[in-house]
Protein backbone atom coordinates (compact mmCIF):
# COMPACT_ATOMS: atom_id res chain seq x y z
CA MET A 1 119.96 134.10 69.08
CA ARG A 2 116.99 132.15 67.99
CA ARG A 3 117.94 129.47 70.30
CA SER A 4 118.28 131.36 73.58
CA ALA A 5 114.84 132.94 72.88
CA LYS A 6 113.46 129.57 72.50
CA PHE A 7 114.78 128.45 75.66
CA ALA A 8 113.68 131.65 77.39
CA ALA A 9 110.14 131.01 76.19
CA MET A 10 110.34 127.47 77.79
CA MET A 11 111.81 128.83 80.84
CA LEU A 12 108.82 131.42 81.10
CA LEU A 13 105.90 128.66 80.54
CA PRO A 14 105.76 126.86 83.99
CA VAL A 15 105.74 130.49 85.31
CA VAL A 16 102.66 131.31 82.99
CA LEU A 17 100.88 128.18 83.86
CA SER A 18 101.37 128.34 87.54
CA ALA A 19 99.63 131.89 87.45
CA CYS A 20 96.79 130.45 85.73
CA ALA A 21 96.53 127.61 88.45
CA ALA A 22 96.63 129.79 91.50
CA SER A 23 93.16 130.70 92.92
CA ASP A 24 91.80 134.32 93.54
CA GLU A 25 92.53 134.27 97.28
CA GLY A 26 96.32 133.60 96.64
CA LYS A 27 96.24 129.98 98.18
CA SER A 28 98.34 127.37 97.22
CA ILE A 29 97.13 124.14 95.27
CA THR A 30 97.07 121.04 97.44
CA PHE A 31 95.70 117.39 96.80
CA THR A 32 94.09 117.41 99.97
CA ASP A 33 92.17 120.11 101.55
CA ASP A 34 94.61 121.08 104.53
CA ARG A 35 92.33 122.46 107.21
CA GLY A 36 95.23 123.36 109.30
CA VAL A 37 94.46 123.38 113.16
CA SER A 38 91.06 122.68 112.65
CA SER A 39 89.63 119.26 113.46
CA GLN A 40 90.88 116.37 111.63
CA PRO A 41 88.82 113.17 110.89
CA PHE A 42 89.92 109.98 112.40
CA PRO A 43 91.78 107.62 110.24
CA ARG A 44 89.09 104.81 110.25
CA ASN A 45 91.50 102.33 107.70
CA TYR A 46 94.77 103.29 109.36
CA ARG A 47 95.75 99.83 109.90
CA THR A 48 95.41 98.78 106.32
CA GLU A 49 96.62 101.72 105.03
CA VAL A 50 99.92 101.58 107.51
CA LEU A 51 100.36 97.76 106.22
CA SER A 52 100.27 98.90 102.45
CA PHE A 53 102.59 101.87 102.93
CA MET A 54 104.97 99.70 104.67
CA LYS A 55 105.13 96.92 102.29
CA THR A 56 106.51 99.36 99.67
CA TYR A 57 108.52 101.43 102.37
CA LEU A 58 110.67 98.59 103.66
CA ASN A 59 113.30 97.13 101.26
CA ASN A 60 112.38 93.67 102.74
CA PRO A 61 109.11 93.62 104.73
CA VAL A 62 109.64 89.84 105.34
CA GLY A 63 110.79 88.82 108.69
CA LEU A 64 110.28 91.87 110.97
CA ARG A 65 110.24 91.32 114.85
CA ASP A 66 108.79 92.99 117.93
CA ALA A 67 106.26 94.93 115.76
CA VAL A 68 104.14 97.26 117.99
CA MET A 69 101.80 99.90 116.89
CA ALA A 70 100.17 102.79 119.18
CA GLU A 71 96.56 103.82 118.20
CA PRO A 72 96.17 107.17 116.37
CA VAL A 73 96.46 110.26 118.41
CA GLU A 74 96.10 113.83 117.46
CA ARG A 75 99.27 115.78 117.76
CA VAL A 76 100.53 119.09 116.81
CA ILE A 77 103.10 118.46 113.80
CA GLY A 78 104.41 121.69 111.95
CA GLY A 79 101.92 123.71 113.55
CA ARG A 80 98.95 121.64 112.28
CA GLN A 81 96.62 119.44 113.89
CA ARG A 82 97.33 115.57 112.70
CA TYR A 83 96.31 112.12 113.82
CA VAL A 84 99.65 110.19 114.30
CA VAL A 85 100.00 106.40 114.26
CA CYS A 86 103.19 105.59 115.79
CA LEU A 87 104.99 101.99 115.11
CA ARG A 88 108.29 100.45 116.42
CA PHE A 89 109.84 96.89 114.88
CA SER A 90 113.12 95.58 114.07
CA ALA A 91 113.99 94.83 110.43
CA ARG A 92 116.00 92.40 109.15
CA GLU A 93 119.32 93.26 107.56
CA SER A 94 120.88 91.73 104.32
CA ASP A 95 123.22 89.57 106.22
CA GLY A 96 120.00 88.13 108.39
CA ASP A 97 121.06 89.84 111.61
CA TYR A 98 118.40 92.53 113.15
CA ARG A 99 118.54 95.98 113.74
CA LYS A 100 117.92 97.60 117.20
CA PRO A 101 114.19 98.32 117.11
CA ARG A 102 113.13 101.57 115.31
CA GLU A 103 110.21 103.99 115.95
CA ARG A 104 108.48 105.92 112.94
CA ALA A 105 105.67 108.16 113.06
CA MET A 106 102.73 107.98 110.45
CA LEU A 107 100.90 111.09 109.88
CA PHE A 108 97.52 111.22 108.48
CA VAL A 109 95.62 114.10 106.88
CA ASP A 110 91.96 114.32 106.25
CA GLY A 111 91.89 110.82 107.57
CA ARG A 112 94.43 109.38 104.88
CA LEU A 113 98.00 108.47 105.37
CA ASP A 114 100.07 111.46 104.28
CA ARG A 115 103.75 110.83 105.01
CA ILE A 116 106.13 108.87 107.60
CA LEU A 117 108.40 110.71 109.91
CA GLU A 118 111.70 109.05 110.45
CA ASN A 119 112.42 111.10 113.90
CA ALA A 120 109.34 109.86 115.73
CA ALA A 121 110.70 110.40 119.33
CA GLU A 122 108.79 113.74 119.95
CA PRO A 123 105.20 112.67 118.28
CA CYS A 124 105.41 109.18 119.71
CA ALA A 125 106.45 110.26 123.35
CA GLY A 126 104.46 108.54 126.13
CA LEU A 127 102.09 106.20 123.75
CA ALA A 128 100.94 102.88 124.61
CA TYR A 129 101.88 100.36 122.20
CA ALA A 130 100.13 96.80 121.32
CA PRO A 131 101.52 94.10 119.62
CA PHE A 132 101.01 94.76 115.63
CA ALA A 133 101.28 90.85 114.23
CA GLU A 134 100.08 91.86 111.03
CA LEU A 135 103.24 93.74 110.21
CA GLU A 136 105.37 90.51 111.08
CA LYS A 137 103.50 88.47 108.90
CA MET A 138 104.04 90.77 105.73
CA THR A 139 105.19 89.14 102.68
CA ARG A 140 106.74 90.49 99.46
């Protein structure tokens, strides 16, 4: 019986702590101030942030081909106004062959890279791409 009471107390602790962390208005806690559909700042360092992220995101960032990128544009994603940077590239497989070009959308919140969208067809529709040589020159 004593062990189950200890387990119940351990399970209740996160609930108690989360209640302490909640704000008076009942808003959730976030790491960035998500201003929703209000104006978002332009992501000034988007090229640097994209390169840094892609270096960790890709299993092998060496030897990418056909890398192109679209300038940041504002789009509504999940009901929120966001800047989106779209990429298209061909990655090298482990056997040395290349995949078909893949398109990815990078979402920015408050001027900083927030996450990547694997399915980028809708947010990247109609964008003009330009060569992104820095992505092709990445090393490990």
